[in-house]
Each structure stands twice: as C-alpha cells, then as structure tokens.
Protein backbone atom coordinates (compact mmCIF):
# COMPACT_ATOMS: atom_id res chain seq x y z
CA MET A 1 -32.54 -75.42 35.21
CA SER A 2 -28.97 -76.62 35.39
CA ASN A 3 -27.68 -78.06 31.97
CA TYR A 4 -25.02 -80.04 33.79
CA GLN A 5 -25.23 -83.66 33.07
CA VAL A 6 -23.32 -86.63 31.66
CA HIS A 7 -25.12 -87.21 28.01
CA ASN A 8 -23.07 -90.36 27.32
CA PRO A 9 -21.59 -89.95 23.09
CA ASN A 10 -21.04 -93.79 23.08
CA THR A 11 -24.55 -94.54 23.50
CA GLY A 12 -26.69 -91.04 23.43
CA GLU A 13 -28.38 -91.53 26.63
CA ILE A 14 -28.35 -89.24 29.61
CA GLN A 15 -27.16 -90.63 32.73
CA GLU A 16 -26.27 -88.53 35.53
CA HIS A 17 -27.87 -84.74 36.45
CA PHE A 18 -25.98 -81.67 38.42
CA ASP A 19 -27.47 -78.89 40.06
CA SER A 20 -26.05 -75.25 39.54
CA LEU A 21 -25.35 -73.31 41.68
CA THR A 22 -27.95 -70.63 42.38
CA PRO A 23 -27.21 -66.80 42.00
CA GLU A 24 -28.14 -66.71 45.70
CA GLU A 25 -25.19 -69.37 46.42
CA ILE A 26 -22.55 -67.60 44.71
CA PRO A 27 -21.53 -64.90 47.26
CA ALA A 28 -20.92 -67.43 49.43
CA VAL A 29 -18.39 -69.39 47.42
CA ILE A 30 -16.37 -66.62 46.88
CA ASP A 31 -16.05 -65.98 50.47
CA ARG A 32 -14.75 -69.46 51.02
CA ALA A 33 -12.35 -69.08 48.11
CA HIS A 34 -11.07 -65.96 49.06
CA ASP A 35 -10.53 -67.25 52.78
CA GLY A 36 -8.56 -70.33 50.86
CA PHE A 37 -6.64 -67.38 48.91
CA GLN A 38 -5.41 -65.57 52.48
CA ARG A 39 -4.25 -69.09 54.35
CA TRP A 40 -2.65 -70.62 50.99
CA SER A 41 -0.95 -67.63 49.87
CA ALA A 42 0.87 -67.77 53.01
CA THR A 43 1.89 -71.17 52.55
CA PRO A 44 5.08 -72.25 52.25
CA MET A 45 6.57 -72.67 48.33
CA ALA A 46 7.83 -76.21 49.46
CA GLU A 47 4.36 -77.40 51.32
CA ARG A 48 2.56 -76.38 48.00
CA SER A 49 4.97 -78.44 46.13
CA ALA A 50 4.24 -81.15 48.32
CA VAL A 51 0.95 -81.06 48.04
CA LEU A 52 1.17 -81.07 43.58
CA GLU A 53 3.58 -84.06 43.91
CA ARG A 54 1.31 -86.34 46.05
CA PHE A 55 -1.53 -85.32 43.62
CA ALA A 56 1.17 -86.68 40.88
CA ASP A 57 1.07 -89.90 42.73
CA LEU A 58 -2.38 -90.18 43.05
CA VAL A 59 -3.32 -89.69 39.62
CA GLU A 60 -0.87 -91.97 38.32
CA ALA A 61 -2.71 -94.63 40.90
CA GLU A 62 -6.20 -93.84 39.46
CA ALA A 63 -5.38 -93.43 35.98
CA ASP A 64 -7.78 -96.24 34.67
CA ARG A 65 -10.62 -95.19 36.56
CA LEU A 66 -10.09 -92.01 35.53
CA ALA A 67 -9.49 -92.46 31.93
CA ARG A 68 -12.91 -94.05 31.92
CA ILE A 69 -15.09 -91.24 33.39
CA ILE A 70 -13.72 -88.75 30.67
CA GLY A 71 -14.50 -91.90 27.92
CA ARG A 72 -17.89 -91.73 29.69
CA GLU A 73 -18.12 -88.08 29.63
CA MET A 74 -16.84 -86.96 26.36
CA GLY A 75 -16.37 -90.15 23.92
CA LYS A 76 -12.12 -90.17 24.45
CA PRO A 77 -10.73 -94.05 23.50
CA LEU A 78 -9.36 -95.28 26.51
CA SER A 79 -5.71 -95.45 25.48
CA ASP A 80 -6.00 -91.50 24.89
CA GLY A 81 -7.87 -91.03 28.59
CA ARG A 82 -4.79 -92.91 29.88
CA ALA A 83 -2.66 -91.04 28.29
CA GLU A 84 -4.04 -87.77 29.57
CA THR A 85 -3.68 -88.49 32.95
CA GLY A 86 -0.36 -89.02 32.50
CA THR A 87 -0.03 -85.80 31.40
CA LEU A 88 -1.62 -84.39 33.97
CA ALA A 89 0.79 -86.14 36.31
CA LYS A 90 3.66 -84.66 34.39
CA HIS A 91 2.10 -81.33 34.51
CA ALA A 92 1.96 -81.29 38.52
CA ARG A 93 5.66 -82.84 39.01
CA TRP A 94 6.84 -79.92 36.70
CA PHE A 95 5.26 -77.29 38.13
CA ALA A 96 6.21 -78.92 41.57
CA ARG A 97 9.90 -78.76 40.77
CA ASN A 98 10.40 -75.38 38.92
CA SER A 99 8.22 -72.76 40.39
CA SER A 100 10.35 -72.07 43.06
CA ASP A 101 12.91 -70.89 40.72
CA VAL A 102 10.85 -69.00 38.32
CA LEU A 103 9.08 -67.14 41.17
CA ALA A 104 12.18 -66.12 42.56
CA ASP A 105 12.51 -62.47 43.41
CA THR A 106 13.97 -60.84 40.76
CA VAL A 107 16.96 -58.82 41.39
CA ILE A 108 17.74 -55.65 39.37
CA ASP A 109 21.34 -54.04 38.42
CA ALA A 110 19.68 -50.25 39.26
CA SER A 111 22.35 -47.63 38.30
CA ASP A 112 21.55 -45.49 41.17
CA GLY A 113 23.38 -48.58 43.81
CA VAL A 114 19.96 -48.72 45.24
CA ARG A 115 18.58 -51.99 46.59
CA THR A 116 16.04 -53.17 44.08
CA TYR A 117 14.06 -56.35 43.15
CA VAL A 118 10.46 -57.38 42.12
CA LYS A 119 8.53 -59.52 44.14
CA HIS A 120 5.99 -62.18 42.01
CA ASP A 121 2.76 -61.81 44.47
CA PRO A 122 -0.23 -63.66 44.03
CA LEU A 123 -3.17 -61.96 42.98
CA GLY A 124 -6.58 -63.77 44.71
CA VAL A 125 -9.10 -65.70 43.32
CA LEU A 126 -9.19 -66.72 39.67
CA LEU A 127 -12.00 -67.76 37.68
CA GLY A 128 -11.09 -70.95 35.02
CA ILE A 129 -13.55 -71.36 32.24
CA MET A 130 -12.63 -74.89 30.54
CA PRO A 131 -13.91 -77.32 27.46
CA TRP A 132 -14.25 -80.50 27.54
CA ASN A 133 -12.52 -81.88 24.54
CA PHE A 134 -9.04 -82.42 27.12
CA PRO A 135 -11.52 -82.99 30.67
CA TYR A 136 -7.92 -83.09 33.14
CA ASN A 137 -5.16 -81.31 31.09
CA GLN A 138 -6.96 -78.06 29.99
CA ILE A 139 -7.96 -77.66 33.72
CA ALA A 140 -4.26 -78.35 34.59
CA ARG A 141 -2.94 -75.70 32.26
CA PHE A 142 -4.54 -73.09 34.40
CA ALA A 143 -5.01 -74.16 37.86
CA LEU A 144 -1.78 -76.21 38.71
CA PRO A 145 0.65 -73.16 38.21
CA GLN A 146 -1.65 -70.77 39.75
CA LEU A 147 -1.95 -73.19 42.92
CA MET A 148 1.69 -72.69 42.71
CA VAL A 149 1.73 -69.01 42.70
CA GLY A 150 -0.49 -69.29 45.84
CA ASN A 151 -3.82 -68.24 43.92
CA ALA A 152 -7.13 -69.75 44.48
CA ILE A 153 -9.34 -71.27 42.11
CA LEU A 154 -12.83 -71.09 41.19
CA MET A 155 -13.38 -73.75 38.11
CA LYS A 156 -16.00 -73.88 35.95
CA GLN A 157 -15.65 -77.18 33.31
CA ALA A 158 -17.50 -77.64 30.49
CA SER A 159 -21.09 -78.82 31.57
CA ILE A 160 -20.78 -82.19 30.21
CA CYS A 161 -17.65 -82.87 31.95
CA PRO A 162 -19.39 -82.65 35.70
CA VAL A 163 -18.17 -85.61 37.20
CA SER A 164 -14.35 -85.47 36.10
CA SER A 165 -14.15 -81.90 37.16
CA ALA A 166 -15.38 -82.89 40.59
CA GLU A 167 -12.70 -85.52 40.87
CA PHE A 168 -10.17 -83.27 39.82
CA GLN A 169 -10.83 -81.14 42.97
CA ASN A 170 -11.18 -84.26 45.49
CA LEU A 171 -7.86 -85.87 44.15
CA LEU A 172 -5.97 -82.39 44.85
CA GLU A 173 -8.00 -82.42 48.58
CA CYS A 174 -6.90 -85.76 48.98
CA ALA A 175 -3.37 -84.74 48.45
CA GLY A 176 -3.90 -81.89 50.97
CA LEU A 177 -4.76 -78.82 49.43
CA PRO A 178 -6.98 -76.99 51.90
CA GLU A 179 -10.66 -76.21 51.39
CA GLY A 180 -11.27 -73.50 49.58
CA VAL A 181 -8.39 -73.05 47.33
CA TYR A 182 -9.70 -74.98 44.89
CA THR A 183 -13.24 -75.01 43.97
CA ASN A 184 -15.58 -77.11 41.50
CA ILE A 185 -18.12 -74.87 40.61
CA TYR A 186 -21.42 -75.82 38.48
CA LEU A 187 -22.09 -72.29 37.15
CA ASP A 188 -24.14 -71.26 34.26
CA SER A 189 -22.77 -68.96 31.55
CA SER A 190 -25.36 -66.38 32.37
CA ASP A 191 -24.00 -66.08 36.30
CA VAL A 192 -20.41 -65.39 35.01
CA GLU A 193 -20.67 -61.94 35.56
CA ALA A 194 -21.68 -62.41 39.11
CA VAL A 195 -18.63 -63.84 39.87
CA LEU A 196 -16.11 -61.41 37.90
CA THR A 197 -17.98 -58.57 38.94
CA ASP A 198 -16.62 -59.05 42.63
CA PHE A 199 -13.60 -57.22 43.71
CA ARG A 200 -11.94 -60.12 45.21
CA VAL A 201 -11.88 -62.36 41.91
CA LYS A 202 -9.08 -60.83 39.83
CA GLY A 203 -8.52 -62.55 36.45
CA PHE A 204 -9.83 -65.30 34.41
CA SER A 205 -8.14 -67.69 31.88
CA ILE A 206 -10.56 -69.22 29.41
CA THR A 207 -10.50 -71.87 26.97
CA GLY A 208 -13.46 -72.10 24.36
CA SER A 209 -14.91 -70.36 21.44
CA GLU A 210 -14.74 -67.24 19.92
CA SER A 211 -17.75 -65.57 21.22
CA ALA A 212 -17.66 -67.07 24.45
CA GLY A 213 -14.56 -65.53 25.24
CA ALA A 214 -15.26 -62.23 23.61
CA SER A 215 -18.40 -62.20 26.08
CA VAL A 216 -15.93 -63.16 29.39
CA ALA A 217 -13.34 -60.89 28.19
CA ALA A 218 -15.49 -57.89 27.72
CA ILE A 219 -17.13 -58.14 31.34
CA ALA A 220 -13.73 -58.59 32.95
CA GLY A 221 -12.03 -55.78 31.06
CA ALA A 222 -15.18 -53.31 31.82
CA ASN A 223 -14.30 -54.49 35.46
CA MET A 224 -10.38 -54.23 35.23
CA LYS A 225 -9.88 -58.27 35.87
CA ARG A 226 -6.60 -59.51 34.12
CA SER A 227 -7.55 -62.65 31.24
CA VAL A 228 -6.09 -64.94 29.04
CA LEU A 229 -7.97 -66.10 26.11
CA GLU A 230 -7.62 -69.72 24.13
CA LEU A 231 -10.24 -69.74 21.45
CA GLY A 232 -9.29 -72.73 19.52
CA GLY A 233 -7.30 -72.49 16.13
CA ASN A 234 -7.60 -73.40 12.24
CA ASP A 235 -3.60 -74.54 12.30
CA PRO A 236 -1.94 -75.17 9.07
CA MET A 237 0.54 -78.30 8.64
CA VAL A 238 2.70 -77.40 5.79
CA ILE A 239 4.56 -80.16 4.14
CA LEU A 240 6.92 -79.34 2.02
CA ASP A 241 8.48 -82.46 0.81
CA ALA A 242 8.65 -86.15 2.57
CA ALA A 243 11.19 -88.97 2.12
CA ASP A 244 8.27 -91.70 2.54
CA VAL A 245 5.21 -90.09 1.54
CA PRO A 246 2.59 -92.57 2.31
CA ALA A 247 4.13 -92.61 5.74
CA MET A 248 3.79 -88.67 5.93
CA ALA A 249 -0.02 -89.06 4.78
CA GLU A 250 -0.61 -91.68 7.79
CA LYS A 251 0.91 -89.34 10.01
CA ALA A 252 -0.80 -86.29 8.88
CA VAL A 253 -4.00 -87.95 9.02
CA ARG A 254 -3.78 -89.34 12.33
CA LEU A 255 -2.50 -86.08 13.54
CA ARG A 256 -5.94 -84.94 12.60
CA LEU A 257 -8.20 -87.56 14.10
CA PHE A 258 -6.74 -88.01 17.13
CA ASN A 259 -9.71 -87.09 19.85
CA ALA A 260 -12.30 -87.58 16.94
CA GLY A 261 -10.45 -84.39 15.51
CA GLN A 262 -11.82 -82.34 18.50
CA VAL A 263 -8.43 -80.67 19.52
CA CYS A 264 -7.88 -76.60 19.30
CA THR A 265 -3.96 -77.68 17.66
CA SER A 266 -5.08 -80.25 15.30
CA PRO A 267 -3.76 -79.66 11.76
CA LYS A 268 -7.24 -78.51 10.25
CA ARG A 269 -5.47 -77.37 7.32
CA ILE A 270 -2.98 -79.73 5.38
CA ILE A 271 -1.25 -77.83 2.84
CA VAL A 272 0.79 -80.28 0.57
CA ASP A 273 3.51 -79.47 -2.24
CA SER A 274 2.10 -80.65 -5.80
CA ALA A 275 5.21 -82.51 -6.40
CA ILE A 276 3.97 -85.02 -3.81
CA TYR A 277 0.13 -84.05 -3.92
CA ASP A 278 -0.76 -87.08 -5.76
CA GLU A 279 0.90 -89.86 -3.75
CA PHE A 280 -0.21 -88.54 -0.65
CA MET A 281 -4.05 -88.16 -1.47
CA GLU A 282 -3.88 -91.89 -2.54
CA ALA A 283 -2.40 -93.05 0.58
CA ALA A 284 -4.85 -90.77 2.68
CA LYS A 285 -7.47 -91.83 0.94
CA ALA A 286 -6.26 -96.09 1.81
CA VAL A 287 -5.60 -94.91 5.61
CA ILE A 288 -8.66 -92.92 6.54
CA ALA A 289 -10.55 -95.69 5.44
CA THR A 290 -9.06 -97.94 7.83
CA ILE A 291 -9.64 -95.75 10.57
CA LYS A 292 -12.07 -97.73 13.45
CA VAL A 293 -14.72 -95.88 15.06
CA GLY A 294 -16.05 -96.91 18.01
CA PRO A 295 -16.93 -96.81 21.71
CA PHE A 296 -14.33 -95.26 24.03
CA ASP A 297 -13.49 -98.53 25.68
CA ALA A 298 -13.88 -101.17 22.64
CA GLU A 299 -10.75 -102.98 21.39
CA GLY A 300 -9.30 -101.48 18.58
CA THR A 301 -10.88 -98.00 18.52
CA ASP A 302 -8.61 -95.69 16.82
CA MET A 303 -11.73 -92.75 17.00
CA GLY A 304 -14.38 -92.08 19.60
CA PRO A 305 -17.66 -90.36 19.07
CA VAL A 306 -18.03 -86.93 18.86
CA SER A 307 -18.82 -85.11 22.07
CA SER A 308 -22.69 -84.82 21.32
CA ILE A 309 -24.74 -85.57 19.03
CA GLU A 310 -25.89 -82.24 18.12
CA ALA A 311 -21.78 -81.60 18.01
CA ARG A 312 -21.71 -84.28 15.31
CA ASP A 313 -24.95 -83.10 13.05
CA GLU A 314 -23.31 -80.03 13.17
CA VAL A 315 -19.63 -81.18 11.56
CA VAL A 316 -21.56 -83.80 9.34
CA GLU A 317 -24.01 -80.28 7.71
CA ARG A 318 -20.52 -78.32 7.54
CA VAL A 319 -18.84 -81.36 5.32
CA ALA A 320 -22.35 -81.16 3.40
CA GLN A 321 -22.26 -77.61 2.58
CA ALA A 322 -18.64 -78.13 1.62
CA VAL A 323 -18.98 -80.42 -1.12
CA ARG A 324 -22.51 -78.03 -2.21
CA ASP A 325 -20.18 -75.53 -2.15
CA GLY A 326 -17.62 -77.08 -4.85
CA ALA A 327 -15.16 -79.33 -2.19
CA ILE A 328 -14.66 -82.84 -3.33
CA LEU A 329 -15.62 -85.46 -0.94
CA HIS A 330 -13.11 -88.53 -0.90
CA TYR A 331 -14.28 -90.28 1.92
CA GLY A 332 -16.95 -90.24 5.10
CA GLY A 333 -18.84 -87.45 6.33
CA ALA A 334 -21.78 -89.49 6.93
CA ALA A 335 -23.26 -89.85 10.28
CA ILE A 336 -22.98 -93.53 11.20
CA ASP A 337 -26.61 -95.08 11.77
CA ARG A 338 -26.34 -96.29 15.54
CA PRO A 339 -27.28 -94.61 18.70
CA GLY A 340 -24.84 -92.55 20.18
CA ALA A 341 -22.88 -89.77 18.26
CA TYR A 342 -20.42 -91.57 15.72
CA MET A 343 -19.82 -90.35 12.18
CA GLU A 344 -17.03 -91.20 9.43
CA PRO A 345 -14.50 -89.69 9.20
CA ALA A 346 -14.06 -87.48 6.67
CA LEU A 347 -11.57 -86.47 3.62
CA LEU A 348 -12.15 -83.33 1.59
CA THR A 349 -10.13 -81.31 -0.93
CA ASP A 350 -10.66 -78.58 -3.21
CA VAL A 351 -12.23 -76.39 -0.45
CA GLY A 352 -12.06 -72.83 -1.56
CA LEU A 353 -10.31 -70.26 0.84
CA ASP A 354 -13.10 -68.00 1.51
CA GLN A 355 -15.60 -70.87 2.27
CA ASP A 356 -16.51 -71.87 5.83
CA ILE A 357 -14.11 -74.61 6.39
CA SER A 358 -11.16 -72.90 5.44
CA CYS A 359 -11.89 -69.52 7.41
CA ASP A 360 -13.54 -71.21 10.36
CA GLU A 361 -12.60 -73.64 12.96
CA LEU A 362 -13.93 -76.86 12.18
CA PHE A 363 -14.09 -78.78 15.64
CA GLY A 364 -14.54 -82.52 14.04
CA PRO A 365 -12.96 -85.60 12.29
CA VAL A 366 -12.45 -83.62 9.03
CA VAL A 367 -9.39 -83.85 7.29
CA VAL A 368 -8.88 -81.00 4.58
CA VAL A 369 -5.73 -81.34 2.50
CA TYR A 370 -4.74 -78.27 0.07
CA GLN A 371 -2.66 -78.29 -3.17
CA ALA A 372 0.31 -75.71 -3.34
CA ALA A 373 2.30 -75.06 -6.20
CA ASP A 374 5.79 -74.02 -4.42
CA GLU A 375 6.69 -72.64 -1.40
CA ALA A 376 5.13 -69.37 -1.76
CA ASP A 377 1.72 -70.57 -2.37
CA ALA A 378 2.04 -72.87 0.56
CA LEU A 379 2.82 -69.93 2.70
CA ARG A 380 -0.11 -68.06 1.11
CA ILE A 381 -2.60 -70.93 2.00
CA ALA A 382 -0.78 -71.30 5.57
CA ASN A 383 -1.32 -67.67 6.15
CA ALA A 384 -4.83 -67.15 4.87
CA THR A 385 -6.60 -67.35 8.29
CA GLU A 386 -7.49 -64.64 10.82
CA TYR A 387 -6.90 -67.48 13.68
CA GLY A 388 -3.32 -68.43 14.64
CA LEU A 389 -2.60 -71.04 16.94
CA GLN A 390 -0.22 -73.94 16.23
CA SER A 391 1.07 -74.34 13.03
CA SER A 392 3.71 -76.88 11.32
CA VAL A 393 6.23 -77.17 9.11
CA TRP A 394 7.73 -80.53 7.52
CA SER A 395 10.52 -81.27 5.29
CA GLN A 396 14.09 -83.78 5.14
CA ASP A 397 15.60 -80.30 4.93
CA VAL A 398 15.41 -78.78 8.28
CA GLU A 399 16.92 -75.55 7.47
CA LYS A 400 14.54 -74.63 4.85
CA ALA A 401 11.62 -75.51 6.99
CA GLU A 402 13.05 -73.27 9.91
CA ARG A 403 13.05 -70.70 7.55
CA PHE A 404 9.75 -71.01 6.48
CA ALA A 405 8.40 -71.42 9.94
CA HIS A 406 9.57 -68.23 10.35
CA LYS A 407 7.42 -66.46 8.28
CA ILE A 408 4.12 -68.21 9.50
CA ASN A 409 1.72 -66.18 11.76
CA ALA A 410 0.93 -68.15 14.26
CA GLY A 411 1.77 -68.35 18.62
CA MET A 412 3.33 -71.12 18.31
CA THR A 413 5.21 -72.78 14.78
CA LEU A 414 6.66 -76.17 15.33
CA VAL A 415 9.20 -78.39 12.24
CA ASN A 416 8.24 -81.81 11.68
CA ALA A 417 6.11 -82.57 14.62
CA HIS A 418 2.80 -81.22 15.40
CA ARG A 419 0.18 -81.11 18.59
CA GLU A 420 2.81 -80.24 21.03
CA SER A 421 2.10 -78.79 24.44
CA SER A 422 4.15 -78.89 27.26
CA PRO A 423 4.79 -77.12 30.88
CA GLU A 424 8.36 -76.35 29.90
CA TRP A 425 7.75 -74.23 27.09
CA PRO A 426 4.39 -71.47 26.41
CA PHE A 427 1.20 -72.23 24.72
CA GLY A 428 -1.19 -69.59 23.52
CA GLY A 429 -2.10 -68.03 19.85
CA ILE A 430 -2.37 -64.49 18.23
CA ASN A 431 -5.61 -63.10 16.71
CA ARG A 432 -8.65 -64.59 16.82
CA SER A 433 -7.43 -67.51 18.47
CA GLY A 434 -6.79 -65.19 21.49
CA TYR A 435 -3.88 -63.86 23.82
CA GLY A 436 -1.77 -64.36 26.48
CA ARG A 437 0.06 -67.71 27.27
CA GLU A 438 -0.63 -70.79 29.45
CA GLU A 439 2.66 -73.29 30.71
CA SER A 440 6.16 -72.65 31.92
CA ALA A 441 7.38 -69.35 33.48
CA TRP A 442 4.71 -67.26 31.14
CA GLY A 443 1.69 -69.38 32.95
CA LEU A 444 3.37 -69.11 36.35
CA THR A 445 3.85 -65.06 36.12
CA LEU A 446 0.39 -64.69 34.15
CA PHE A 447 -1.48 -64.23 37.17
CA THR A 448 1.07 -62.60 39.68
CA ASN A 449 1.54 -58.91 40.95
CA GLU A 450 4.82 -58.14 39.59
CA HIS A 451 5.87 -56.00 43.13
CA ALA A 452 8.80 -53.74 42.57
CA PHE A 453 10.72 -52.71 45.91
CA ARG A 454 13.46 -50.03 46.03
CA ILE A 455 15.13 -50.04 49.40
CA HIS A 456 17.10 -47.32 50.59
CA ASP A 457 19.69 -46.37 53.43
CA ALA A 458 18.53 -45.20 56.46
CA SER A 459 19.82 -41.24 56.10
C-alpha cells in the first residue's frame, strides 16, 4: 500500500493519496527515462539553457501558488516558501548561464606535444532520493545541474510531498523539457533496489537519514553506481565574542528555529564563550518566548508546525529525555494542545557531550547552548561530533575567527554567517554527514564521464 499522501501538519488531516509504482511498472519507467536521455544528451547546450531559463520564469510567476503547496504538505510558513521559490529560480538561472563554461573541454598541456583533452560526457539515467524540508530546492541542487550535463532524472521525493514533486516535473515540461528526461516517481523504498540494479541507471544522489543513505549506498556499491550522500549534521555555531550580545542571541535563536529547526545545516549546537554566556542566555530566553507558532498561512507566523505529528512527538520525547538525563530546560519543549503537529520551541543547556542530543542530529525546534571556558574549549566542543556538514565561527575579530575556522572538522565553515548555500560554491560534508558535493562545478561534474582523448597525427 502506498504511503504517498498529503498529511497536512497544519491541521493533522490526511487530504490526498497517491498510488506508488508497482514493481511491474518500473522497467517501463526506466525505458522512457533512457530514451529521454538519448535525445536530451544530444541536445545543444544552448537549448538546455533555454529550458532552465523558461523554468525560472514559470517558478517566479507561480511563486505564491508553489509556496502554498509546500505549506500544506510540510508546514513551511508562507514567506519562507516564497523565498524558497526565489532560490529555486536563482539555481535554474545560474546553471543555465554557467554550465557551458564549466563543462567545456579541459585541454591538457601534454609534455609530449600530443593534442590531449577531456570531455565531460553525461552518464545516463540518475536516481534522486530527496527529503521534504526544502521540497523544491533539495531537488534543484541535484537535478538542475544534471539536466544541464545532459543526464536524465528519476526523482523519488519524500512521501509527504507528492504534489510539489509532481509540480516540479510539470513546470520543467511546460518550459520545454522533453517527456522522459525528468520523471517524478512515487516509489516505495523497498523498490529502490530494482531501479539501481538496472544497468541504464548510472548513479544516485540521496539527502536523508544515515540509515537510508547507508542502505542505498550499499546497493549502489554492489552494482558499481556513483553516488553522493548528504545525510544531515549536528552543526556547531561558535560565538567567540559579540559587539551586541542580545542581538547575537536573537540571531542564533532565529537561525536555529528557521523551518521549525528542520534544516540539515541548522546550528544545532550553539557554543558561547563564558565571557558573554550569561548575557547571551538571558537574551535567548527572552527571544524564544516571542516566537509565534501557527499555521503556515497565518499572519505573523514565525514558526510553522513540525512536518508530522509523529516527528513532533519524537522531538518532544527527546527533549524530555535530555531533561531526565540532567539537561536544564529553560523554555518550551512541549506539544501544543491543538490539531496539527505544533510544539513550543525549546531552549536547553547543560546537555552532556555524550548524551543523545549532543551526539545525534535533532531535526526540530530545539535550541541547545553550550558554555565554553575559552577558545580551546570551544574548539573541543565544536569537534566533539561524528558529523561534519556546516559550521560557523562568530567574532568581531575576523582574522581570529578565520584561524579558528580552519581547525573545525566540517565540509563547510562560515565566518559571521550560518545556514548558507548557493549554486556558486560547493555543498556537502564529511564523516556521518556523507560524501560528495552538490552545487557549482562540483555538482556539474559529479555525474560525468571524464572522457580523455589523445589525438596523434597520422604517421
């Protein structure tokens, strides 16, 4: 039985159901994708660019409608949903305008004088397995560069986002993308292996849980398929000093609570130098009490519901367990007694570095603050994780912050900023956060055949 449905977290109601592919239907879907790849890979780069430019135009024109779709599916406040569509259009335009330069032949200055170059050829059909927290942008980071390369995409979006995932395909085809080149599929997890074992499917990208990533990567490895894993994080936000401590506290709290804390690069461990810790905590307690929790389309909503009632209940229980283990709960952390997946944002301190919330990613609206005795202690806490996605260092002394940043174990480290991504620079992590990179040249060349040519003169 299919689990693809719109289970509106704003109301708790199941509003739509969608049928999954049957195992018998999968080969025909791959047939169409492979046929689409054969045509699309032969399409001139200028025509591919034009499709993405028209796609961006459509996204901008439909921004409000698209935002309302994801608000109903996963609870994202309307203003944030509109912002996501803007980022989606930005991605489309960047790849439309920059891919030809990145994918141009790489000429090698061979020592023997033989003309040598590398072409970046498309591989074929790729499988995307994407999450619900950024329903459009998670797809975009993987799919749009691959479309510019000339690959074809089978997209398995999260089961709670069946409408937005179908809309992504619809807008691409309205923009002129040939049928079969991008296919939204309602695929049960048990049938992923049937897709990846097909020779015509050359690789996959997954953003999701560690267990899902490890499971799919094992299948891909056994079948010699390329892969990229983005598996979340437990990102440190290290605050060494601040000119305005209350303003810094407000920024940190709001960064953490954006999208109800359901962001892989959210600052899940906020580490504050002892010199400003007390003032920071007083301000953080005041700020979190002002956060307005409500439906995605309600006036003034700061934070919508968690993605589902089950996910909300898990977050609430993990907060309660942290308190039982000795953490101090300064605010919130309980379910709100109303229909839907609402909870009070929580503020915790005194969480041990060996406890659950310190060691494992918490995907929900929980602000966790650690006190560091000095810079060395802050670095110790920051690196006390098996993850390694994004991190940040904050200081009025930028050079000091940059020196500190170089010592953090992560795929991305920002100074005086957090939770940033862009098509212009690489996105990805290390260790339990996965491997491989999305975005920019790294994302464009990830699923290409680096085809080397040596052209000798006739003898």
